[in-house]
């Protein structure tokens, strides 16, 4: 399984631009660590052509949130939730229908 974690960086930090740079770098580093270290066990799950795509971003209180954005087995999604929960990340809740999941 291929694991991809994408950091969705903020562009509208106010008022300090240097804070935005620091927070976005922190988010990119968290994405790299989640992909390369914490979710490494997922590389041996399923078929090599299977994908796991996760977005991480900040919520309005600057807590890192995560979201699996493609169709994966429930066990994989539960493992991601468990791993991210142990890192202090919260599930990314949204009212918008995810165009990647179930779009036919």
C-alpha atoms as a PDB file:
ATOM      1  CA  UNK A   1       0.000   0.000   0.000  1.00  0.00           C
ATOM      2  CA  UNK A   2       1.239   3.459  -0.835  1.00  0.00           C
ATOM      3  CA  UNK A   3       0.827   5.977   2.004  1.00  0.00           C
ATOM      4  CA  UNK A   4       0.604   9.696   1.227  1.00  0.00           C
ATOM      5  CA  UNK A   5       0.098  12.371   3.881  1.00  0.00           C
ATOM      6  CA  UNK A   6      -0.526  15.881   2.572  1.00  0.00           C
ATOM      7  CA  UNK A   7      -0.213  18.984   4.726  1.00  0.00           C
ATOM      8  CA  UNK A   8      -2.908  21.530   3.913  1.00  0.00           C
ATOM      9  CA  UNK A   9      -1.114  24.712   4.928  1.00  0.00           C
ATOM     10  CA  UNK A  10      -2.774  27.909   6.047  1.00  0.00           C
ATOM     11  CA  UNK A  11      -2.400  31.066   4.020  1.00  0.00           C
ATOM     12  CA  UNK A  12      -4.371  33.494   6.148  1.00  0.00           C
ATOM     13  CA  UNK A  13      -2.546  33.665   9.473  1.00  0.00           C
ATOM     14  CA  UNK A  14      -3.065  37.081  11.043  1.00  0.00           C
ATOM     15  CA  UNK A  15      -1.197  39.229  11.924  1.00  0.00           C
ATOM     16  CA  UNK A  16       2.285  37.703  12.146  1.00  0.00           C
ATOM     17  CA  UNK A  17       3.688  36.309   8.886  1.00  0.00           C
ATOM     18  CA  UNK A  18       6.633  34.660  10.675  1.00  0.00           C
ATOM     19  CA  UNK A  19       4.152  32.698  12.798  1.00  0.00           C
ATOM     20  CA  UNK A  20       2.509  31.418   9.614  1.00  0.00           C
ATOM     21  CA  UNK A  21       5.845  30.212   8.321  1.00  0.00           C
ATOM     22  CA  UNK A  22       6.646  28.390  11.575  1.00  0.00           C
ATOM     23  CA  UNK A  23       3.199  26.781  11.817  1.00  0.00           C
ATOM     24  CA  UNK A  24       3.238  25.654   8.186  1.00  0.00           C
ATOM     25  CA  UNK A  25       6.721  24.155   8.572  1.00  0.00           C
ATOM     26  CA  UNK A  26       5.559  22.353  11.705  1.00  0.00           C
ATOM     27  CA  UNK A  27       2.595  20.944   9.782  1.00  0.00           C
ATOM     28  CA  UNK A  28       4.790  19.775   6.892  1.00  0.00           C
ATOM     29  CA  UNK A  29       7.143  18.076   9.353  1.00  0.00           C
ATOM     30  CA  UNK A  30       4.194  16.378  11.072  1.00  0.00           C
ATOM     31  CA  UNK A  31       2.967  15.105   7.688  1.00  0.00           C
ATOM     32  CA  UNK A  32       6.389  13.696   6.827  1.00  0.00           C
ATOM     33  CA  UNK A  33       6.724  11.970  10.219  1.00  0.00           C
ATOM     34  CA  UNK A  34       3.205  10.535  10.027  1.00  0.00           C
ATOM     35  CA  UNK A  35       3.879   9.151   6.549  1.00  0.00           C
ATOM     36  CA  UNK A  36       7.447   7.910   7.007  1.00  0.00           C
ATOM     37  CA  UNK A  37       7.467   6.773  10.640  1.00  0.00           C
ATOM     38  CA  UNK A  38       4.081   6.314  12.276  1.00  0.00           C
ATOM     39  CA  UNK A  39       2.218   4.764   9.335  1.00  0.00           C
ATOM     40  CA  UNK A  40       5.080   2.668   8.010  1.00  0.00           C
ATOM     41  CA  UNK A  41       3.206  -0.502   9.009  1.00  0.00           C
ATOM     42  CA  UNK A  42       0.619   0.331   6.346  1.00  0.00           C
ATOM     43  CA  UNK A  43       3.168  -0.227   3.578  1.00  0.00           C
ATOM     44  CA  UNK A  44       2.768  -4.004   3.940  1.00  0.00           C
ATOM     45  CA  UNK A  45      -1.049  -3.960   4.055  1.00  0.00           C
ATOM     46  CA  UNK A  46      -3.112  -4.828   1.004  1.00  0.00           C
ATOM     47  CA  UNK A  47      -1.841  -4.774  -2.541  1.00  0.00           C
ATOM     48  CA  UNK A  48       1.093  -2.602  -3.686  1.00  0.00           C
ATOM     49  CA  UNK A  49      -1.253  -0.659  -5.972  1.00  0.00           C
ATOM     50  CA  UNK A  50      -3.583   0.306  -3.080  1.00  0.00           C
ATOM     51  CA  UNK A  51      -3.391   3.882  -1.808  1.00  0.00           C
ATOM     52  CA  UNK A  52      -3.956   5.540   1.533  1.00  0.00           C
ATOM     53  CA  UNK A  53      -4.260   9.329   1.303  1.00  0.00           C
ATOM     54  CA  UNK A  54      -4.519  11.474   4.430  1.00  0.00           C
ATOM     55  CA  UNK A  55      -4.887  15.242   4.721  1.00  0.00           C
ATOM     56  CA  UNK A  56      -3.707  17.047   7.832  1.00  0.00           C
ATOM     57  CA  UNK A  57      -4.351  20.669   8.667  1.00  0.00           C
ATOM     58  CA  UNK A  58      -4.995  22.965  11.597  1.00  0.00           C
ATOM     59  CA  UNK A  59      -8.397  23.543  13.105  1.00  0.00           C
ATOM     60  CA  UNK A  60      -9.312  27.099  14.213  1.00  0.00           C
ATOM     61  CA  UNK A  61      -7.597  26.469  17.586  1.00  0.00           C
ATOM     62  CA  UNK A  62      -4.364  25.350  15.837  1.00  0.00           C
ATOM     63  CA  UNK A  63      -4.702  21.700  16.775  1.00  0.00           C
ATOM     64  CA  UNK A  64      -3.624  19.306  14.039  1.00  0.00           C
ATOM     65  CA  UNK A  65      -6.544  17.447  12.500  1.00  0.00           C
ATOM     66  CA  UNK A  66      -6.499  14.510  10.077  1.00  0.00           C
ATOM     67  CA  UNK A  67      -8.778  12.996   7.473  1.00  0.00           C
ATOM     68  CA  UNK A  68      -8.548   9.885   5.293  1.00  0.00           C
ATOM     69  CA  UNK A  69      -9.712  11.091   1.880  1.00  0.00           C
ATOM     70  CA  UNK A  70      -9.991   7.902  -0.144  1.00  0.00           C
ATOM     71  CA  UNK A  71     -11.761   4.581   0.194  1.00  0.00           C
ATOM     72  CA  UNK A  72      -9.815   2.181   2.396  1.00  0.00           C
ATOM     73  CA  UNK A  73     -10.864  -0.821   4.501  1.00  0.00           C
ATOM     74  CA  UNK A  74     -12.308   0.001   7.907  1.00  0.00           C
ATOM     75  CA  UNK A  75      -9.329  -1.643   9.646  1.00  0.00           C
ATOM     76  CA  UNK A  76      -6.940   0.758   7.885  1.00  0.00           C
ATOM     77  CA  UNK A  77      -9.065   3.774   8.787  1.00  0.00           C
ATOM     78  CA  UNK A  78      -9.214   2.586  12.414  1.00  0.00           C
ATOM     79  CA  UNK A  79      -5.427   2.154  12.519  1.00  0.00           C
ATOM     80  CA  UNK A  80      -4.958   5.685  11.166  1.00  0.00           C
ATOM     81  CA  UNK A  81      -7.412   7.049  13.753  1.00  0.00           C
ATOM     82  CA  UNK A  82      -5.641   5.197  16.572  1.00  0.00           C
ATOM     83  CA  UNK A  83      -2.188   6.341  15.447  1.00  0.00           C
ATOM     84  CA  UNK A  84      -3.233   9.960  14.948  1.00  0.00           C
ATOM     85  CA  UNK A  85      -5.092   9.954  18.254  1.00  0.00           C
ATOM     86  CA  UNK A  86      -1.931   8.828  20.049  1.00  0.00           C
ATOM     87  CA  UNK A  87      -0.119  11.773  18.449  1.00  0.00           C
ATOM     88  CA  UNK A  88      -2.760  14.175  19.777  1.00  0.00           C
ATOM     89  CA  UNK A  89      -4.369  14.820  16.393  1.00  0.00           C
ATOM     90  CA  UNK A  90      -8.138  15.120  16.132  1.00  0.00           C
ATOM     91  CA  UNK A  91     -10.482  13.790  13.458  1.00  0.00           C
ATOM     92  CA  UNK A  92     -11.285  16.372  10.799  1.00  0.00           C
ATOM     93  CA  UNK A  93     -15.043  16.775  10.819  1.00  0.00           C
ATOM     94  CA  UNK A  94     -16.757  18.487   7.935  1.00  0.00           C
ATOM     95  CA  UNK A  95     -20.276  18.934   6.627  1.00  0.00           C
ATOM     96  CA  UNK A  96     -19.074  18.861   3.037  1.00  0.00           C
ATOM     97  CA  UNK A  97     -19.364  15.575   1.180  1.00  0.00           C
ATOM     98  CA  UNK A  98     -15.905  14.251   0.354  1.00  0.00           C
ATOM     99  CA  UNK A  99     -15.620  14.079  -3.431  1.00  0.00           C
ATOM    100  CA  UNK A 100     -12.976  11.348  -3.161  1.00  0.00           C
ATOM    101  CA  UNK A 101     -15.124   8.908  -1.193  1.00  0.00           C
ATOM    102  CA  UNK A 102     -17.960   7.167  -2.933  1.00  0.00           C
ATOM    103  CA  UNK A 103     -18.064   9.539  -5.893  1.00  0.00           C
ATOM    104  CA  UNK A 104     -19.502   7.522  -8.754  1.00  0.00           C
END
